[in-house]
Amino acid sequence: GTLYKPDEGTVNIAGCDVLALSSKKLSRFRAEHLGFVFQFHQLLPEFSALENVMIPGMIADKPRTECRKRALELLDYLGLAERAQHKPAQLSGGEKQRVAVARALMNNPDVILADEPSGSLDTHNKQELHQLFFKLRDELGQTFVIVTHDEELASLTDRTIHLLDGRINSQPTDATPTITNTPNTAL
């Protein structure tokens, strides 16, 4: 996610060597090219679902009216239009995580990094979230990198890389771990 620098090697995302960027340019790059979904949604409790989704657009200095329009489109697409003005405490776990996905999609990122995205959800909401990821992949061409201990989710992915003690343990012999820039389709 560009928040830490590796001990060695390079990190290229969307054709950019992100380790060569200044701190300010790296923050800008992160806001424009990466989306994040965390295990515990990380929504700001004092803001509505709509406002939480708008935040990445505001950080990227997009006009407020554009951010609001995009956020409402995303919430509608994810079945949350009726919950736009609700604060996180008024949302179910599954709704909170869908708001987090909408927030991750706000700036049309090249890649969404999802860290144990269904780890805090019950079985029903977990399955819905997994289906949502693959719907977004299929309908929008969205690229996801998902870190999970959930073997069910891992078995659904296009590619699985196993890590053991911080090292790649197994992967297809002809594959090199990379993140490629795939064109996204706007909503």
N, C-alpha and C. Protein backbone atom coordinates (compact mmCIF):
# COMPACT_ATOMS: atom_id res chain seq x y z
N GLY A 1 0.80 -1.21 0.00
CA GLY A 1 0.00 0.00 0.00
C GLY A 1 0.83 1.26 0.00
N THR A 2 2.13 1.12 -0.12
CA THR A 2 3.11 2.22 -0.15
C THR A 2 3.26 2.93 1.20
N LEU A 3 2.72 2.34 2.25
CA LEU A 3 2.85 2.95 3.57
C LEU A 3 4.20 2.63 4.21
N TYR A 4 4.79 1.53 3.81
CA TYR A 4 6.11 1.12 4.29
C TYR A 4 7.02 0.89 3.10
N LYS A 5 8.31 1.11 3.31
CA LYS A 5 9.28 0.84 2.25
C LYS A 5 9.90 -0.53 2.49
N PRO A 6 10.08 -1.29 1.41
CA PRO A 6 10.70 -2.61 1.56
C PRO A 6 12.18 -2.48 1.87
N ASP A 7 12.75 -3.55 2.42
CA ASP A 7 14.18 -3.58 2.71
C ASP A 7 15.00 -3.59 1.43
N GLU A 8 14.45 -4.18 0.38
CA GLU A 8 15.15 -4.24 -0.90
C GLU A 8 14.15 -4.40 -2.02
N GLY A 9 14.62 -4.22 -3.25
CA GLY A 9 13.77 -4.40 -4.42
C GLY A 9 13.09 -3.12 -4.85
N THR A 10 12.17 -3.26 -5.79
CA THR A 10 11.43 -2.11 -6.31
C THR A 10 9.94 -2.41 -6.22
N VAL A 11 9.16 -1.36 -6.24
CA VAL A 11 7.70 -1.49 -6.27
C VAL A 11 7.20 -0.59 -7.40
N ASN A 12 6.68 -1.23 -8.44
CA ASN A 12 6.12 -0.51 -9.57
C ASN A 12 4.63 -0.75 -9.61
N ILE A 13 3.87 0.33 -9.60
CA ILE A 13 2.41 0.26 -9.68
C ILE A 13 1.99 1.22 -10.78
N ALA A 14 1.21 0.71 -11.70
CA ALA A 14 0.70 1.53 -12.81
C ALA A 14 1.85 2.21 -13.55
N GLY A 15 2.97 1.49 -13.69
CA GLY A 15 4.11 2.01 -14.42
C GLY A 15 4.94 3.03 -13.67
N CYS A 16 4.72 3.17 -12.39
CA CYS A 16 5.43 4.16 -11.58
C CYS A 16 6.26 3.47 -10.51
N ASP A 17 7.54 3.84 -10.42
CA ASP A 17 8.40 3.35 -9.34
C ASP A 17 8.06 4.18 -8.10
N VAL A 18 7.17 3.64 -7.27
CA VAL A 18 6.65 4.43 -6.15
C VAL A 18 7.71 4.73 -5.10
N LEU A 19 8.78 3.95 -5.04
CA LEU A 19 9.83 4.21 -4.05
C LEU A 19 10.66 5.44 -4.41
N ALA A 20 10.59 5.87 -5.66
CA ALA A 20 11.34 7.04 -6.11
C ALA A 20 10.59 8.35 -5.85
N LEU A 21 9.34 8.26 -5.41
CA LEU A 21 8.52 9.45 -5.19
C LEU A 21 8.81 10.09 -3.84
N SER A 22 8.70 11.42 -3.79
CA SER A 22 8.79 12.13 -2.52
C SER A 22 7.59 11.74 -1.66
N SER A 23 7.65 12.05 -0.40
CA SER A 23 6.56 11.71 0.51
C SER A 23 5.23 12.33 0.05
N LYS A 24 5.28 13.59 -0.37
CA LYS A 24 4.08 14.28 -0.82
C LYS A 24 3.54 13.65 -2.10
N LYS A 25 4.41 13.35 -3.06
CA LYS A 25 3.98 12.75 -4.31
C LYS A 25 3.48 11.32 -4.09
N LEU A 26 4.08 10.62 -3.13
CA LEU A 26 3.64 9.27 -2.82
C LEU A 26 2.23 9.29 -2.22
N SER A 27 1.96 10.24 -1.34
CA SER A 27 0.61 10.38 -0.78
C SER A 27 -0.41 10.66 -1.87
N ARG A 28 -0.05 11.52 -2.80
CA ARG A 28 -0.92 11.85 -3.92
C ARG A 28 -1.15 10.61 -4.80
N PHE A 29 -0.07 9.88 -5.07
CA PHE A 29 -0.17 8.66 -5.87
C PHE A 29 -1.11 7.66 -5.20
N ARG A 30 -0.94 7.48 -3.90
CA ARG A 30 -1.77 6.55 -3.13
C ARG A 30 -3.24 6.95 -3.24
N ALA A 31 -3.53 8.22 -3.10
CA ALA A 31 -4.92 8.69 -3.17
C ALA A 31 -5.52 8.48 -4.55
N GLU A 32 -4.72 8.59 -5.58
CA GLU A 32 -5.23 8.49 -6.94
C GLU A 32 -5.25 7.07 -7.49
N HIS A 33 -4.39 6.19 -7.00
CA HIS A 33 -4.22 4.88 -7.65
C HIS A 33 -4.56 3.67 -6.78
N LEU A 34 -4.68 3.86 -5.48
CA LEU A 34 -4.92 2.72 -4.59
C LEU A 34 -6.19 2.92 -3.78
N GLY A 35 -6.91 1.84 -3.59
CA GLY A 35 -8.06 1.83 -2.69
C GLY A 35 -7.78 0.81 -1.60
N PHE A 36 -8.34 1.02 -0.43
CA PHE A 36 -8.08 0.13 0.70
C PHE A 36 -9.40 -0.32 1.32
N VAL A 37 -9.46 -1.62 1.64
CA VAL A 37 -10.57 -2.18 2.41
C VAL A 37 -9.93 -2.94 3.56
N PHE A 38 -10.29 -2.56 4.78
CA PHE A 38 -9.69 -3.15 5.97
C PHE A 38 -10.65 -4.14 6.63
N GLN A 39 -10.13 -4.96 7.51
CA GLN A 39 -10.96 -5.95 8.21
C GLN A 39 -12.08 -5.27 8.99
N PHE A 40 -11.78 -4.20 9.67
CA PHE A 40 -12.77 -3.51 10.50
C PHE A 40 -13.14 -2.17 9.88
N HIS A 41 -13.47 -2.15 8.64
CA HIS A 41 -13.98 -1.05 7.82
C HIS A 41 -13.31 0.29 8.00
N GLN A 42 -12.92 0.67 9.20
CA GLN A 42 -12.23 1.94 9.48
C GLN A 42 -13.01 3.16 9.00
N LEU A 43 -14.33 3.13 9.15
CA LEU A 43 -15.15 4.30 8.83
C LEU A 43 -15.03 5.30 9.97
N LEU A 44 -15.09 6.57 9.64
CA LEU A 44 -15.04 7.61 10.67
C LEU A 44 -16.43 7.76 11.27
N PRO A 45 -16.58 7.54 12.59
CA PRO A 45 -17.90 7.46 13.21
C PRO A 45 -18.71 8.75 13.19
N GLU A 46 -18.06 9.88 13.10
CA GLU A 46 -18.78 11.15 13.13
C GLU A 46 -19.35 11.56 11.78
N PHE A 47 -19.01 10.81 10.74
CA PHE A 47 -19.46 11.13 9.39
C PHE A 47 -20.48 10.11 8.89
N SER A 48 -21.36 10.55 8.02
CA SER A 48 -22.35 9.65 7.42
C SER A 48 -21.66 8.71 6.43
N ALA A 49 -22.40 7.71 5.98
CA ALA A 49 -21.87 6.79 4.95
C ALA A 49 -21.43 7.60 3.73
N LEU A 50 -22.27 8.53 3.30
CA LEU A 50 -21.95 9.37 2.14
C LEU A 50 -20.64 10.13 2.36
N GLU A 51 -20.51 10.77 3.50
CA GLU A 51 -19.31 11.55 3.78
C GLU A 51 -18.07 10.65 3.85
N ASN A 52 -18.20 9.46 4.45
CA ASN A 52 -17.07 8.52 4.51
C ASN A 52 -16.61 8.14 3.11
N VAL A 53 -17.56 7.93 2.20
CA VAL A 53 -17.20 7.55 0.83
C VAL A 53 -16.55 8.73 0.11
N MET A 54 -16.98 9.94 0.40
CA MET A 54 -16.44 11.13 -0.26
C MET A 54 -15.00 11.45 0.13
N ILE A 55 -14.57 11.02 1.29
CA ILE A 55 -13.27 11.44 1.84
C ILE A 55 -12.10 11.24 0.87
N PRO A 56 -11.92 10.07 0.23
CA PRO A 56 -10.78 9.96 -0.68
C PRO A 56 -10.82 10.96 -1.84
N GLY A 57 -12.00 11.28 -2.33
CA GLY A 57 -12.12 12.28 -3.38
C GLY A 57 -11.72 13.66 -2.90
N MET A 58 -12.09 13.97 -1.67
CA MET A 58 -11.73 15.26 -1.10
C MET A 58 -10.21 15.34 -0.89
N ILE A 59 -9.62 14.24 -0.42
CA ILE A 59 -8.16 14.20 -0.24
C ILE A 59 -7.45 14.40 -1.58
N ALA A 60 -8.04 13.88 -2.66
CA ALA A 60 -7.46 14.02 -3.99
C ALA A 60 -7.81 15.38 -4.63
N ASP A 61 -8.37 16.30 -3.84
CA ASP A 61 -8.69 17.66 -4.29
C ASP A 61 -9.70 17.71 -5.43
N LYS A 62 -10.62 16.76 -5.45
CA LYS A 62 -11.69 16.80 -6.45
C LYS A 62 -12.79 17.73 -5.93
N PRO A 63 -13.52 18.37 -6.83
CA PRO A 63 -14.60 19.27 -6.40
C PRO A 63 -15.64 18.51 -5.56
N ARG A 64 -16.13 19.17 -4.54
CA ARG A 64 -17.08 18.56 -3.61
C ARG A 64 -18.32 18.03 -4.33
N THR A 65 -18.83 18.78 -5.30
CA THR A 65 -20.03 18.32 -6.02
C THR A 65 -19.74 17.05 -6.80
N GLU A 66 -18.56 16.95 -7.39
CA GLU A 66 -18.15 15.74 -8.10
C GLU A 66 -18.02 14.56 -7.14
N CYS A 67 -17.44 14.82 -5.97
CA CYS A 67 -17.29 13.77 -4.95
C CYS A 67 -18.64 13.27 -4.47
N ARG A 68 -19.54 14.19 -4.22
CA ARG A 68 -20.86 13.81 -3.74
C ARG A 68 -21.60 12.97 -4.79
N LYS A 69 -21.54 13.40 -6.04
CA LYS A 69 -22.21 12.67 -7.12
C LYS A 69 -21.64 11.26 -7.24
N ARG A 70 -20.32 11.15 -7.27
CA ARG A 70 -19.67 9.84 -7.40
C ARG A 70 -20.00 8.95 -6.19
N ALA A 71 -19.96 9.51 -4.99
CA ALA A 71 -20.25 8.74 -3.78
C ALA A 71 -21.69 8.22 -3.79
N LEU A 72 -22.62 9.06 -4.21
CA LEU A 72 -24.02 8.62 -4.28
C LEU A 72 -24.19 7.52 -5.32
N GLU A 73 -23.50 7.63 -6.46
CA GLU A 73 -23.55 6.58 -7.48
C GLU A 73 -23.03 5.25 -6.92
N LEU A 74 -21.92 5.33 -6.21
CA LEU A 74 -21.32 4.11 -5.64
C LEU A 74 -22.23 3.48 -4.60
N LEU A 75 -22.78 4.31 -3.71
CA LEU A 75 -23.67 3.78 -2.69
C LEU A 75 -24.91 3.14 -3.32
N ASP A 76 -25.42 3.76 -4.37
CA ASP A 76 -26.56 3.19 -5.07
C ASP A 76 -26.17 1.85 -5.72
N TYR A 77 -25.03 1.82 -6.37
CA TYR A 77 -24.55 0.60 -7.03
C TYR A 77 -24.40 -0.55 -6.03
N LEU A 78 -23.99 -0.21 -4.81
CA LEU A 78 -23.77 -1.23 -3.78
C LEU A 78 -25.01 -1.46 -2.91
N GLY A 79 -26.15 -0.92 -3.33
CA GLY A 79 -27.41 -1.16 -2.62
C GLY A 79 -27.55 -0.42 -1.32
N LEU A 80 -26.88 0.73 -1.20
CA LEU A 80 -26.89 1.48 0.05
C LEU A 80 -27.44 2.90 -0.09
N ALA A 81 -28.12 3.19 -1.18
CA ALA A 81 -28.62 4.55 -1.40
C ALA A 81 -29.48 5.02 -0.24
N GLU A 82 -30.30 4.13 0.29
CA GLU A 82 -31.21 4.48 1.40
C GLU A 82 -30.46 4.71 2.72
N ARG A 83 -29.20 4.30 2.77
CA ARG A 83 -28.42 4.40 4.02
C ARG A 83 -27.37 5.51 3.95
N ALA A 84 -27.39 6.31 2.90
CA ALA A 84 -26.35 7.31 2.66
C ALA A 84 -26.17 8.29 3.82
N GLN A 85 -27.25 8.67 4.48
CA GLN A 85 -27.15 9.65 5.56
C GLN A 85 -26.97 9.03 6.94
N HIS A 86 -26.89 7.72 7.01
CA HIS A 86 -26.69 7.03 8.28
C HIS A 86 -25.22 7.02 8.68
N LYS A 87 -24.99 7.16 9.97
CA LYS A 87 -23.62 7.08 10.49
C LYS A 87 -23.28 5.61 10.72
N PRO A 88 -21.99 5.29 10.78
CA PRO A 88 -21.58 3.89 10.93
C PRO A 88 -22.28 3.13 12.06
N ALA A 89 -22.53 3.78 13.18
CA ALA A 89 -23.18 3.10 14.31
C ALA A 89 -24.60 2.65 13.97
N GLN A 90 -25.18 3.23 12.92
CA GLN A 90 -26.54 2.89 12.50
C GLN A 90 -26.56 1.84 11.38
N LEU A 91 -25.39 1.34 11.00
CA LEU A 91 -25.28 0.37 9.90
C LEU A 91 -24.91 -1.01 10.43
N SER A 92 -25.34 -2.04 9.73
CA SER A 92 -24.94 -3.40 10.08
C SER A 92 -23.48 -3.61 9.67
N GLY A 93 -22.89 -4.71 10.10
CA GLY A 93 -21.51 -5.02 9.74
C GLY A 93 -21.32 -5.13 8.24
N GLY A 94 -22.26 -5.80 7.57
CA GLY A 94 -22.18 -5.93 6.13
C GLY A 94 -22.32 -4.59 5.41
N GLU A 95 -23.21 -3.74 5.91
CA GLU A 95 -23.38 -2.41 5.32
C GLU A 95 -22.12 -1.57 5.51
N LYS A 96 -21.53 -1.65 6.69
CA LYS A 96 -20.29 -0.90 6.93
C LYS A 96 -19.20 -1.32 5.96
N GLN A 97 -19.09 -2.62 5.72
CA GLN A 97 -18.03 -3.10 4.83
C GLN A 97 -18.32 -2.70 3.38
N ARG A 98 -19.58 -2.65 2.97
CA ARG A 98 -19.91 -2.18 1.62
C ARG A 98 -19.63 -0.69 1.49
N VAL A 99 -19.84 0.08 2.55
CA VAL A 99 -19.47 1.50 2.53
C VAL A 99 -17.95 1.60 2.37
N ALA A 100 -17.20 0.74 3.07
CA ALA A 100 -15.74 0.75 2.94
C ALA A 100 -15.32 0.40 1.51
N VAL A 101 -16.03 -0.51 0.87
CA VAL A 101 -15.73 -0.85 -0.53
C VAL A 101 -16.03 0.36 -1.42
N ALA A 102 -17.15 1.02 -1.19
CA ALA A 102 -17.48 2.23 -1.97
C ALA A 102 -16.39 3.28 -1.79
N ARG A 103 -15.94 3.46 -0.57
CA ARG A 103 -14.86 4.42 -0.30
C ARG A 103 -13.61 4.04 -1.08
N ALA A 104 -13.28 2.75 -1.12
CA ALA A 104 -12.10 2.27 -1.85
C ALA A 104 -12.23 2.53 -3.35
N LEU A 105 -13.45 2.51 -3.87
CA LEU A 105 -13.70 2.71 -5.29
C LEU A 105 -13.78 4.19 -5.69
N MET A 106 -13.83 5.07 -4.72
CA MET A 106 -14.14 6.48 -4.95
C MET A 106 -13.31 7.12 -6.06
N ASN A 107 -12.02 6.88 -6.08
CA ASN A 107 -11.13 7.54 -7.04
C ASN A 107 -10.78 6.65 -8.24
N ASN A 108 -11.60 5.63 -8.50
CA ASN A 108 -11.32 4.70 -9.61
C ASN A 108 -9.89 4.18 -9.54
N PRO A 109 -9.50 3.53 -8.44
CA PRO A 109 -8.11 3.11 -8.29
C PRO A 109 -7.71 2.02 -9.27
N ASP A 110 -6.42 1.94 -9.52
CA ASP A 110 -5.88 0.85 -10.34
C ASP A 110 -6.01 -0.47 -9.59
N VAL A 111 -5.81 -0.41 -8.28
CA VAL A 111 -5.81 -1.61 -7.45
C VAL A 111 -6.51 -1.31 -6.13
N ILE A 112 -7.30 -2.29 -5.66
CA ILE A 112 -7.84 -2.20 -4.30
C ILE A 112 -7.12 -3.27 -3.48
N LEU A 113 -6.53 -2.83 -2.39
CA LEU A 113 -5.86 -3.73 -1.46
C LEU A 113 -6.83 -4.03 -0.33
N ALA A 114 -7.14 -5.30 -0.15
CA ALA A 114 -8.11 -5.71 0.87
C ALA A 114 -7.42 -6.60 1.89
N ASP A 115 -7.36 -6.16 3.13
CA ASP A 115 -6.68 -6.88 4.20
C ASP A 115 -7.73 -7.56 5.08
N GLU A 116 -7.85 -8.88 4.96
CA GLU A 116 -8.84 -9.66 5.70
C GLU A 116 -10.21 -8.99 5.65
N PRO A 117 -10.70 -8.67 4.44
CA PRO A 117 -11.90 -7.86 4.32
C PRO A 117 -13.17 -8.47 4.89
N SER A 118 -13.22 -9.79 5.02
CA SER A 118 -14.44 -10.41 5.55
C SER A 118 -14.21 -11.02 6.92
N GLY A 119 -13.07 -10.75 7.52
CA GLY A 119 -12.71 -11.35 8.80
C GLY A 119 -13.64 -11.00 9.95
N SER A 120 -14.31 -9.87 9.88
CA SER A 120 -15.19 -9.46 10.98
C SER A 120 -16.66 -9.68 10.68
N LEU A 121 -16.96 -10.36 9.56
CA LEU A 121 -18.35 -10.52 9.14
C LEU A 121 -18.89 -11.91 9.44
N ASP A 122 -20.22 -11.98 9.63
CA ASP A 122 -20.86 -13.29 9.78
C ASP A 122 -20.88 -13.99 8.42
N THR A 123 -21.28 -15.25 8.41
CA THR A 123 -21.22 -16.07 7.20
C THR A 123 -21.99 -15.46 6.04
N HIS A 124 -23.20 -14.99 6.28
CA HIS A 124 -24.02 -14.42 5.21
C HIS A 124 -23.35 -13.19 4.61
N ASN A 125 -22.95 -12.24 5.46
CA ASN A 125 -22.33 -11.01 4.98
C ASN A 125 -20.97 -11.28 4.34
N LYS A 126 -20.25 -12.27 4.84
CA LYS A 126 -18.97 -12.65 4.26
C LYS A 126 -19.16 -13.12 2.82
N GLN A 127 -20.14 -14.00 2.61
CA GLN A 127 -20.40 -14.50 1.26
C GLN A 127 -20.85 -13.38 0.32
N GLU A 128 -21.67 -12.47 0.81
CA GLU A 128 -22.10 -11.33 -0.01
C GLU A 128 -20.92 -10.45 -0.40
N LEU A 129 -20.00 -10.22 0.54
CA LEU A 129 -18.83 -9.39 0.24
C LEU A 129 -17.95 -10.08 -0.79
N HIS A 130 -17.75 -11.38 -0.64
CA HIS A 130 -16.93 -12.11 -1.61
C HIS A 130 -17.56 -12.01 -3.01
N GLN A 131 -18.87 -12.19 -3.09
CA GLN A 131 -19.56 -12.09 -4.39
C GLN A 131 -19.41 -10.68 -4.96
N LEU A 132 -19.46 -9.67 -4.08
CA LEU A 132 -19.32 -8.28 -4.52
C LEU A 132 -17.94 -8.06 -5.15
N PHE A 133 -16.89 -8.58 -4.56
CA PHE A 133 -15.55 -8.40 -5.12
C PHE A 133 -15.49 -8.95 -6.54
N PHE A 134 -16.05 -10.13 -6.76
CA PHE A 134 -15.98 -10.73 -8.08
C PHE A 134 -16.92 -10.05 -9.07
N LYS A 135 -18.01 -9.49 -8.57
CA LYS A 135 -18.90 -8.69 -9.43
C LYS A 135 -18.15 -7.43 -9.89
N LEU A 136 -17.45 -6.78 -8.98
CA LEU A 136 -16.69 -5.58 -9.32
C LEU A 136 -15.56 -5.91 -10.29
N ARG A 137 -14.95 -7.06 -10.11
CA ARG A 137 -13.91 -7.49 -11.05
C ARG A 137 -14.51 -7.69 -12.43
N ASP A 138 -15.63 -8.41 -12.49
CA ASP A 138 -16.23 -8.75 -13.78
C ASP A 138 -16.89 -7.56 -14.47
N GLU A 139 -17.63 -6.75 -13.71
CA GLU A 139 -18.39 -5.66 -14.32
C GLU A 139 -17.58 -4.38 -14.52
N LEU A 140 -16.63 -4.12 -13.62
CA LEU A 140 -15.87 -2.87 -13.70
C LEU A 140 -14.41 -3.07 -14.08
N GLY A 141 -13.97 -4.31 -14.19
CA GLY A 141 -12.56 -4.57 -14.48
C GLY A 141 -11.65 -4.17 -13.33
N GLN A 142 -12.18 -4.19 -12.10
CA GLN A 142 -11.42 -3.76 -10.93
C GLN A 142 -10.45 -4.84 -10.49
N THR A 143 -9.22 -4.45 -10.22
CA THR A 143 -8.20 -5.36 -9.73
C THR A 143 -8.19 -5.34 -8.21
N PHE A 144 -8.19 -6.52 -7.61
CA PHE A 144 -8.11 -6.67 -6.16
C PHE A 144 -6.87 -7.47 -5.80
N VAL A 145 -6.20 -7.05 -4.76
CA VAL A 145 -5.18 -7.87 -4.10
C VAL A 145 -5.73 -8.10 -2.70
N ILE A 146 -6.04 -9.35 -2.40
CA ILE A 146 -6.71 -9.68 -1.15
C ILE A 146 -5.77 -10.51 -0.28
N VAL A 147 -5.56 -10.07 0.94
CA VAL A 147 -4.81 -10.85 1.92
C VAL A 147 -5.83 -11.50 2.84
N THR A 148 -5.79 -12.82 2.93
CA THR A 148 -6.80 -13.52 3.73
C THR A 148 -6.28 -14.85 4.25
N HIS A 149 -6.84 -15.26 5.37
CA HIS A 149 -6.66 -16.62 5.89
C HIS A 149 -7.85 -17.49 5.49
N ASP A 150 -8.85 -16.87 4.85
CA ASP A 150 -10.08 -17.55 4.49
C ASP A 150 -9.85 -18.39 3.23
N GLU A 151 -9.71 -19.69 3.40
CA GLU A 151 -9.43 -20.59 2.28
C GLU A 151 -10.57 -20.58 1.26
N GLU A 152 -11.81 -20.39 1.73
CA GLU A 152 -12.95 -20.34 0.81
C GLU A 152 -12.80 -19.17 -0.15
N LEU A 153 -12.47 -18.00 0.38
CA LEU A 153 -12.26 -16.83 -0.47
C LEU A 153 -11.06 -17.05 -1.39
N ALA A 154 -9.97 -17.55 -0.84
CA ALA A 154 -8.77 -17.78 -1.65
C ALA A 154 -9.05 -18.74 -2.81
N SER A 155 -9.91 -19.72 -2.58
CA SER A 155 -10.20 -20.70 -3.63
C SER A 155 -10.98 -20.09 -4.79
N LEU A 156 -11.61 -18.93 -4.58
CA LEU A 156 -12.40 -18.27 -5.62
C LEU A 156 -11.57 -17.34 -6.51
N THR A 157 -10.37 -17.01 -6.08
CA THR A 157 -9.58 -16.00 -6.77
C THR A 157 -8.96 -16.54 -8.06
N ASP A 158 -8.55 -15.61 -8.91
CA ASP A 158 -7.90 -15.97 -10.16
C ASP A 158 -6.49 -16.52 -9.92
N ARG A 159 -5.87 -16.08 -8.85
CA ARG A 159 -4.51 -16.49 -8.55
C ARG A 159 -4.29 -16.43 -7.04
N THR A 160 -3.59 -17.43 -6.52
CA THR A 160 -3.32 -17.48 -5.09
C THR A 160 -1.81 -17.61 -4.88
N ILE A 161 -1.28 -16.78 -4.01
CA ILE A 161 0.12 -16.86 -3.61
C ILE A 161 0.13 -17.12 -2.11
N HIS A 162 0.78 -18.18 -1.69
CA HIS A 162 0.84 -18.53 -0.27
C HIS A 162 2.12 -17.97 0.34
N LEU A 163 1.96 -17.37 1.51
CA LEU A 163 3.11 -16.86 2.25
C LEU A 163 3.30 -17.69 3.50
N LEU A 164 4.54 -17.92 3.86
CA LEU A 164 4.90 -18.61 5.09
C LEU A 164 6.05 -17.86 5.73
N ASP A 165 5.83 -17.37 6.93
CA ASP A 165 6.85 -16.60 7.64
C ASP A 165 7.38 -15.44 6.81
N GLY A 166 6.46 -14.75 6.12
CA GLY A 166 6.83 -13.55 5.38
C GLY A 166 7.48 -13.81 4.03
N ARG A 167 7.52 -15.04 3.59
CA ARG A 167 8.13 -15.37 2.30
C ARG A 167 7.14 -16.12 1.43
N ILE A 168 7.29 -15.95 0.11
CA ILE A 168 6.44 -16.69 -0.81
C ILE A 168 6.76 -18.17 -0.65
N ASN A 169 5.73 -18.95 -0.34
CA ASN A 169 5.89 -20.38 -0.09
C ASN A 169 5.60 -21.21 -1.33
N SER A 170 4.55 -20.82 -2.06
CA SER A 170 4.23 -21.54 -3.29
C SER A 170 3.43 -20.64 -4.21
N GLN A 171 3.66 -20.81 -5.48
CA GLN A 171 2.93 -20.11 -6.52
C GLN A 171 3.20 -20.83 -7.83
N PRO A 172 2.42 -20.55 -8.84
CA PRO A 172 2.71 -21.18 -10.13
C PRO A 172 4.15 -20.88 -10.56
N THR A 173 4.84 -21.84 -11.12
CA THR A 173 6.26 -21.68 -11.46
C THR A 173 6.52 -20.60 -12.50
N ASP A 174 5.56 -20.30 -13.35
CA ASP A 174 5.77 -19.30 -14.38
C ASP A 174 5.30 -17.91 -13.96
N ALA A 175 4.95 -17.73 -12.70
CA ALA A 175 4.37 -16.46 -12.27
C ALA A 175 5.34 -15.67 -11.41
N THR A 176 5.34 -14.37 -11.61
CA THR A 176 6.08 -13.44 -10.77
C THR A 176 5.05 -12.53 -10.14
N PRO A 177 5.11 -12.34 -8.81
CA PRO A 177 4.12 -11.47 -8.17
C PRO A 177 4.21 -10.04 -8.71
N THR A 178 3.17 -9.59 -9.36
CA THR A 178 3.14 -8.23 -9.89
C THR A 178 1.74 -7.67 -9.72
N ILE A 179 1.68 -6.36 -9.74
CA ILE A 179 0.40 -5.67 -9.80
C ILE A 179 0.41 -4.93 -11.12
N THR A 180 -0.53 -5.21 -11.97
CA THR A 180 -0.57 -4.57 -13.28
C THR A 180 -1.70 -3.56 -13.33
N ASN A 181 -1.54 -2.61 -14.19
CA ASN A 181 -2.55 -1.57 -14.37
C ASN A 181 -3.59 -2.07 -15.35
N THR A 182 -4.80 -2.31 -14.87
CA THR A 182 -5.88 -2.72 -15.75
C THR A 182 -6.85 -1.57 -15.87
N PRO A 183 -7.35 -1.30 -17.06
CA PRO A 183 -8.27 -0.18 -17.20
C PRO A 183 -9.57 -0.42 -16.43
N ASN A 184 -9.98 0.59 -15.72
CA ASN A 184 -11.24 0.52 -14.97
C ASN A 184 -12.35 1.15 -15.78
N THR A 185 -13.53 0.72 -15.53
CA THR A 185 -14.70 1.31 -16.16
C THR A 185 -15.43 2.13 -15.10
N ALA A 186 -15.71 3.37 -15.41
CA ALA A 186 -16.43 4.20 -14.45
C ALA A 186 -17.86 3.74 -14.32
N LEU A 187 -18.46 3.98 -13.15
CA LEU A 187 -19.86 3.65 -12.94
C LEU A 187 -20.76 4.54 -13.76
